[in-house]
Amino acid sequence: MAIDSLADVALKTRTTPEDAGELRCDACSEPIEGEPAGRGLYVWTRGDEVRYEEPPLCAQCATAIGITALATWSVEEEEG
């Protein structure tokens, strides 16, 4: 479910009828066979309303995003 009309249009253009049943990685758009290796997290707020979306990620993107986040957190911890 989209938070506004612009997000709704973006979601509709990403999912076409011919690939509606096919699971694709949210980061690279490659097809995912079987279960996703990970999931992202989008959080939208509007007033008191909070919406969450957990898009699927392929193994390569899930690993890359996780390692990047860990490295960024590690650097922030070292800097104080």
C-alpha atoms as a PDB file:
ATOM      1  CA  MET A   1       0.000   0.000   0.000  1.00  0.00           C
ATOM      2  CA  ALA A   2       1.454   3.345  -1.041  1.00  0.00           C
ATOM      3  CA  ILE A   3       1.571   6.343   1.251  1.00  0.00           C
ATOM      4  CA  ASP A   4       0.572   8.864  -1.423  1.00  0.00           C
ATOM      5  CA  SER A   5      -0.348   9.094  -5.096  1.00  0.00           C
ATOM      6  CA  LEU A   6       3.258   9.507  -6.284  1.00  0.00           C
ATOM      7  CA  ALA A   7       4.361   6.397  -4.396  1.00  0.00           C
ATOM      8  CA  ASP A   8       1.318   4.547  -5.731  1.00  0.00           C
ATOM      9  CA  VAL A   9       2.278   5.337  -9.337  1.00  0.00           C
ATOM     10  CA  ALA A  10       5.875   4.276  -8.667  1.00  0.00           C
ATOM     11  CA  LEU A  11       4.733   0.950  -7.248  1.00  0.00           C
ATOM     12  CA  LYS A  12       2.397   0.313 -10.184  1.00  0.00           C
ATOM     13  CA  THR A  13       5.138   0.983 -12.759  1.00  0.00           C
ATOM     14  CA  ARG A  14       7.480  -1.430 -10.980  1.00  0.00           C
ATOM     15  CA  THR A  15       4.963  -4.293 -11.074  1.00  0.00           C
ATOM     16  CA  THR A  16       3.614  -5.173 -14.471  1.00  0.00           C
ATOM     17  CA  PRO A  17       0.990  -7.895 -15.046  1.00  0.00           C
ATOM     18  CA  GLU A  18       3.431 -10.288 -16.720  1.00  0.00           C
ATOM     19  CA  ASP A  19       5.862 -10.285 -13.787  1.00  0.00           C
ATOM     20  CA  ALA A  20       3.369  -9.792 -10.946  1.00  0.00           C
ATOM     21  CA  GLY A  21       4.032 -13.328  -9.643  1.00  0.00           C
ATOM     22  CA  GLU A  22       7.804 -13.068 -10.008  1.00  0.00           C
ATOM     23  CA  LEU A  23       9.793 -12.001  -6.960  1.00  0.00           C
ATOM     24  CA  ARG A  24      12.488  -9.401  -7.746  1.00  0.00           C
ATOM     25  CA  CYS A  25      15.254  -7.856  -5.669  1.00  0.00           C
ATOM     26  CA  ASP A  26      14.327  -4.327  -4.600  1.00  0.00           C
ATOM     27  CA  ALA A  27      17.913  -3.072  -4.989  1.00  0.00           C
ATOM     28  CA  CYS A  28      18.990  -4.546  -8.354  1.00  0.00           C
ATOM     29  CA  SER A  29      15.659  -5.773  -9.823  1.00  0.00           C
ATOM     30  CA  GLU A  30      17.068  -9.229 -10.602  1.00  0.00           C
ATOM     31  CA  PRO A  31      14.618 -12.150 -10.271  1.00  0.00           C
ATOM     32  CA  ILE A  32      14.824 -14.113  -7.015  1.00  0.00           C
ATOM     33  CA  GLU A  33      14.391 -17.872  -7.143  1.00  0.00           C
ATOM     34  CA  GLY A  34      12.956 -19.347  -3.971  1.00  0.00           C
ATOM     35  CA  GLU A  35      13.004 -17.335  -0.758  1.00  0.00           C
ATOM     36  CA  PRO A  36      14.691 -13.917  -0.573  1.00  0.00           C
ATOM     37  CA  ALA A  37      18.078 -13.855   1.167  1.00  0.00           C
ATOM     38  CA  GLY A  38      17.041 -10.785   3.124  1.00  0.00           C
ATOM     39  CA  ARG A  39      14.601  -7.920   3.315  1.00  0.00           C
ATOM     40  CA  GLY A  40      15.000  -4.166   3.375  1.00  0.00           C
ATOM     41  CA  LEU A  41      12.961  -1.787   5.465  1.00  0.00           C
ATOM     42  CA  TYR A  42      11.192   1.383   4.347  1.00  0.00           C
ATOM     43  CA  VAL A  43       9.421   3.494   6.953  1.00  0.00           C
ATOM     44  CA  TRP A  44       7.031   6.325   6.062  1.00  0.00           C
ATOM     45  CA  THR A  45       5.326   8.652   8.450  1.00  0.00           C
ATOM     46  CA  ARG A  46       2.546  11.113   7.893  1.00  0.00           C
ATOM     47  CA  GLY A  47       1.113  12.746  10.969  1.00  0.00           C
ATOM     48  CA  ASP A  48       0.383   9.959  13.447  1.00  0.00           C
ATOM     49  CA  GLU A  49       0.322   7.273  10.749  1.00  0.00           C
ATOM     50  CA  VAL A  50       3.391   5.047  10.276  1.00  0.00           C
ATOM     51  CA  ARG A  51       3.749   2.612   7.380  1.00  0.00           C
ATOM     52  CA  TYR A  52       6.341  -0.097   6.855  1.00  0.00           C
ATOM     53  CA  GLU A  53       7.428  -1.997   3.756  1.00  0.00           C
ATOM     54  CA  GLU A  54       9.869  -4.910   3.748  1.00  0.00           C
ATOM     55  CA  PRO A  55      10.946  -5.474   0.130  1.00  0.00           C
ATOM     56  CA  PRO A  56      12.842  -8.652  -0.796  1.00  0.00           C
ATOM     57  CA  LEU A  57      16.602  -8.657  -1.478  1.00  0.00           C
ATOM     58  CA  CYS A  58      18.749 -11.148  -3.413  1.00  0.00           C
ATOM     59  CA  ALA A  59      21.761 -12.744  -1.698  1.00  0.00           C
ATOM     60  CA  GLN A  60      24.299 -10.356  -3.235  1.00  0.00           C
ATOM     61  CA  CYS A  61      22.387  -7.184  -2.370  1.00  0.00           C
ATOM     62  CA  ALA A  62      21.441  -8.383   1.123  1.00  0.00           C
ATOM     63  CA  THR A  63      25.104  -9.131   1.849  1.00  0.00           C
ATOM     64  CA  ALA A  64      26.367  -5.858   0.350  1.00  0.00           C
ATOM     65  CA  ILE A  65      23.826  -3.738   2.228  1.00  0.00           C
ATOM     66  CA  GLY A  66      24.470  -5.574   5.497  1.00  0.00           C
ATOM     67  CA  ILE A  67      28.276  -5.289   5.250  1.00  0.00           C
ATOM     68  CA  THR A  68      28.032  -1.594   4.301  1.00  0.00           C
ATOM     69  CA  ALA A  69      25.761  -0.885   7.273  1.00  0.00           C
ATOM     70  CA  LEU A  70      28.074  -2.785   9.623  1.00  0.00           C
ATOM     71  CA  ALA A  71      31.152  -0.936   8.335  1.00  0.00           C
ATOM     72  CA  THR A  72      29.409   2.431   8.651  1.00  0.00           C
ATOM     73  CA  TRP A  73      28.289   1.646  12.201  1.00  0.00           C
ATOM     74  CA  SER A  74      31.804   0.472  13.098  1.00  0.00           C
ATOM     75  CA  VAL A  75      33.371   3.713  11.820  1.00  0.00           C
ATOM     76  CA  GLU A  76      30.829   5.799  13.748  1.00  0.00           C
ATOM     77  CA  GLU A  77      31.627   3.850  16.934  1.00  0.00           C
ATOM     78  CA  GLU A  78      35.375   4.443  16.503  1.00  0.00           C
ATOM     79  CA  GLU A  79      34.930   8.176  15.903  1.00  0.00           C
ATOM     80  CA  GLY A  80      32.970   8.554  19.082  1.00  0.00           C
END
